[in-house]
C-alpha cells in the first residue's frame, strides 16, 4: 500500500519474519524503513497527537543538526 501527499510518501506492507509478522513502513525517497511488531503498533495508539508533532520538530533526530 502507498500513502502519500504533497510532503511525503510511504509504502506499507506486511512482512513475515522468523519472529512473527511485522508491519514494514518504508520511505523510498529518503531510504528509511522500520519493522514494527503488534505491540509496537498498538503503542502508537496510546500516544497523544502532540507526540507526533514533536517528532516533526527534528524529523531525522538530533543527528541531523550536526555537521
N, C-alpha and C. Protein backbone atom coordinates (compact mmCIF):
# COMPACT_ATOMS: atom_id res chain seq x y z
N UNK A 1 0.85 -1.15 0.00
CA UNK A 1 0.00 0.00 0.00
C UNK A 1 0.90 1.23 0.00
N UNK A 2 0.50 2.24 -0.72
CA UNK A 2 1.23 3.51 -0.75
C UNK A 2 0.33 4.59 -0.17
N UNK A 3 0.87 5.38 0.74
CA UNK A 3 0.17 6.53 1.30
C UNK A 3 1.04 7.74 1.03
N UNK A 4 0.45 8.78 0.44
CA UNK A 4 1.26 9.96 0.11
C UNK A 4 0.41 11.22 0.10
N UNK A 5 1.12 12.33 0.19
CA UNK A 5 0.53 13.65 -0.02
C UNK A 5 1.62 14.50 -0.67
N UNK A 6 1.46 15.80 -0.67
CA UNK A 6 2.44 16.67 -1.33
C UNK A 6 3.76 16.75 -0.57
N UNK A 7 3.81 16.26 0.67
CA UNK A 7 5.01 16.36 1.50
C UNK A 7 5.76 15.05 1.70
N UNK A 8 5.07 13.93 1.62
CA UNK A 8 5.71 12.66 1.96
C UNK A 8 5.03 11.50 1.24
N UNK A 9 5.77 10.39 1.15
CA UNK A 9 5.22 9.16 0.61
C UNK A 9 5.83 8.00 1.39
N UNK A 10 4.98 7.06 1.81
CA UNK A 10 5.47 5.84 2.46
C UNK A 10 4.78 4.65 1.83
N UNK A 11 5.51 3.52 1.87
CA UNK A 11 4.90 2.26 1.48
C UNK A 11 4.74 1.44 2.75
N UNK A 12 3.68 0.67 2.79
CA UNK A 12 3.38 -0.15 3.97
C UNK A 12 3.09 -1.56 3.47
N UNK A 13 3.72 -2.54 4.14
CA UNK A 13 3.45 -3.93 3.79
C UNK A 13 3.63 -4.84 4.99
N UNK A 14 2.94 -5.95 4.96
CA UNK A 14 3.07 -6.97 6.00
C UNK A 14 4.24 -7.87 5.62
N UNK A 15 5.11 -8.15 6.59
CA UNK A 15 6.31 -8.94 6.35
C UNK A 15 6.34 -10.10 7.34
N UNK A 16 6.55 -11.31 6.84
CA UNK A 16 6.73 -12.48 7.70
C UNK A 16 8.21 -12.59 8.04
N UNK A 17 8.53 -12.57 9.33
CA UNK A 17 9.91 -12.73 9.77
C UNK A 17 10.00 -13.99 10.63
N UNK A 18 11.18 -14.39 10.99
CA UNK A 18 11.32 -15.56 11.86
C UNK A 18 10.78 -15.30 13.26
N UNK A 19 10.57 -14.02 13.59
CA UNK A 19 10.00 -13.65 14.89
C UNK A 19 8.52 -13.28 14.80
N UNK A 20 7.90 -13.59 13.68
CA UNK A 20 6.48 -13.29 13.53
C UNK A 20 6.23 -12.20 12.50
N UNK A 21 4.97 -11.85 12.37
CA UNK A 21 4.56 -10.86 11.38
C UNK A 21 4.92 -9.46 11.88
N UNK A 22 5.42 -8.65 10.97
CA UNK A 22 5.76 -7.25 11.25
C UNK A 22 5.13 -6.38 10.18
N UNK A 23 4.91 -5.13 10.50
CA UNK A 23 4.48 -4.15 9.52
C UNK A 23 5.71 -3.35 9.13
N UNK A 24 6.02 -3.34 7.85
CA UNK A 24 7.15 -2.56 7.36
C UNK A 24 6.62 -1.24 6.83
N UNK A 25 7.18 -0.16 7.34
CA UNK A 25 6.87 1.18 6.85
C UNK A 25 8.16 1.70 6.23
N UNK A 26 8.09 2.10 4.96
CA UNK A 26 9.29 2.49 4.23
C UNK A 26 9.08 3.85 3.56
N UNK A 27 10.10 4.68 3.63
CA UNK A 27 10.13 5.95 2.91
C UNK A 27 11.12 5.80 1.75
N UNK A 28 10.64 5.43 0.57
CA UNK A 28 11.55 5.18 -0.54
C UNK A 28 12.41 6.39 -0.91
N UNK A 29 11.84 7.56 -0.86
CA UNK A 29 12.56 8.77 -1.24
C UNK A 29 13.75 9.03 -0.31
N UNK A 30 13.55 8.80 1.00
CA UNK A 30 14.59 9.10 1.98
C UNK A 30 15.45 7.89 2.33
N UNK A 31 14.97 6.70 1.98
CA UNK A 31 15.74 5.50 2.26
C UNK A 31 15.61 4.98 3.68
N UNK A 32 14.62 5.44 4.43
CA UNK A 32 14.38 4.97 5.80
C UNK A 32 13.33 3.88 5.79
N UNK A 33 13.43 2.95 6.75
CA UNK A 33 12.37 1.97 6.94
C UNK A 33 12.40 1.46 8.38
N UNK A 34 11.27 0.88 8.78
CA UNK A 34 11.17 0.31 10.12
C UNK A 34 10.23 -0.88 10.06
N UNK A 35 10.51 -1.89 10.86
CA UNK A 35 9.63 -3.04 11.04
C UNK A 35 9.03 -2.95 12.44
N UNK A 36 7.72 -2.99 12.54
CA UNK A 36 7.04 -2.88 13.84
C UNK A 36 6.23 -4.13 14.12
N UNK A 37 6.35 -4.63 15.36
CA UNK A 37 5.55 -5.79 15.76
C UNK A 37 4.20 -5.30 16.30
N UNK A 38 3.27 -6.22 16.58
CA UNK A 38 1.94 -5.80 17.03
C UNK A 38 1.96 -4.91 18.29
N UNK A 39 2.81 -5.21 19.27
CA UNK A 39 2.86 -4.39 20.49
C UNK A 39 3.36 -2.98 20.16
N UNK A 40 4.36 -2.88 19.31
CA UNK A 40 4.86 -1.55 18.92
C UNK A 40 3.80 -0.76 18.18
N UNK A 41 3.06 -1.43 17.31
CA UNK A 41 1.97 -0.75 16.60
C UNK A 41 0.88 -0.29 17.56
N UNK A 42 0.53 -1.18 18.49
CA UNK A 42 -0.51 -0.80 19.46
C UNK A 42 -0.06 0.40 20.30
N UNK A 43 1.22 0.45 20.63
CA UNK A 43 1.70 1.55 21.47
C UNK A 43 1.55 2.91 20.78
N UNK A 44 1.51 2.91 19.46
CA UNK A 44 1.25 4.17 18.74
C UNK A 44 -0.11 4.73 19.12
N UNK A 45 -1.08 3.86 19.33
CA UNK A 45 -2.43 4.33 19.65
C UNK A 45 -2.53 4.93 21.04
N UNK A 46 -1.53 4.66 21.89
CA UNK A 46 -1.55 5.22 23.24
C UNK A 46 -1.08 6.67 23.26
N UNK A 47 -0.49 7.14 22.17
CA UNK A 47 0.14 8.46 22.14
C UNK A 47 -0.86 9.57 21.85
N UNK A 48 -0.60 10.71 22.42
CA UNK A 48 -1.35 11.90 22.08
C UNK A 48 -0.80 12.42 20.74
N UNK A 49 -1.63 13.09 19.98
CA UNK A 49 -1.19 13.58 18.67
C UNK A 49 0.00 14.52 18.79
N UNK A 50 0.13 15.22 19.91
CA UNK A 50 1.25 16.14 20.12
C UNK A 50 2.60 15.44 20.06
N UNK A 51 2.65 14.16 20.41
CA UNK A 51 3.90 13.40 20.34
C UNK A 51 4.43 13.40 18.91
N UNK A 52 3.55 13.23 17.94
CA UNK A 52 3.97 13.19 16.55
C UNK A 52 4.40 14.58 16.06
N UNK A 53 3.78 15.61 16.58
CA UNK A 53 4.22 16.97 16.26
C UNK A 53 5.65 17.19 16.75
N UNK A 54 5.98 16.64 17.91
CA UNK A 54 7.34 16.74 18.43
C UNK A 54 8.32 16.02 17.53
N UNK A 55 7.93 14.88 16.97
CA UNK A 55 8.79 14.15 16.03
C UNK A 55 9.14 15.04 14.84
N UNK A 56 8.18 15.82 14.39
CA UNK A 56 8.39 16.65 13.20
C UNK A 56 9.28 17.86 13.47
N UNK A 57 9.47 18.22 14.74
CA UNK A 57 10.38 19.32 15.07
C UNK A 57 11.81 18.97 14.69
N UNK A 58 12.21 17.72 14.88
CA UNK A 58 13.51 17.22 14.44
C UNK A 58 13.26 15.88 13.75
N UNK A 59 12.75 15.93 12.51
CA UNK A 59 12.27 14.72 11.85
C UNK A 59 13.32 13.64 11.64
N UNK A 60 14.58 13.98 11.60
CA UNK A 60 15.62 12.99 11.37
C UNK A 60 16.47 12.78 12.60
N UNK A 61 15.95 13.20 13.76
CA UNK A 61 16.66 13.03 15.02
C UNK A 61 17.69 14.12 15.23
N UNK A 62 18.30 14.12 16.39
CA UNK A 62 19.25 15.18 16.74
C UNK A 62 20.51 15.13 15.89
N UNK A 63 20.81 13.98 15.28
CA UNK A 63 22.00 13.86 14.43
C UNK A 63 21.91 14.78 13.22
N UNK A 64 20.70 15.09 12.77
CA UNK A 64 20.53 15.92 11.58
C UNK A 64 21.06 17.32 11.79
N UNK A 65 21.21 17.75 13.04
CA UNK A 65 21.67 19.10 13.32
C UNK A 65 23.18 19.20 13.42
N UNK A 66 23.86 18.09 13.37
CA UNK A 66 25.32 18.08 13.46
C UNK A 66 25.93 18.17 12.07
N UNK A 67 27.01 18.90 11.95
CA UNK A 67 27.69 18.99 10.65
C UNK A 67 29.07 18.43 10.74
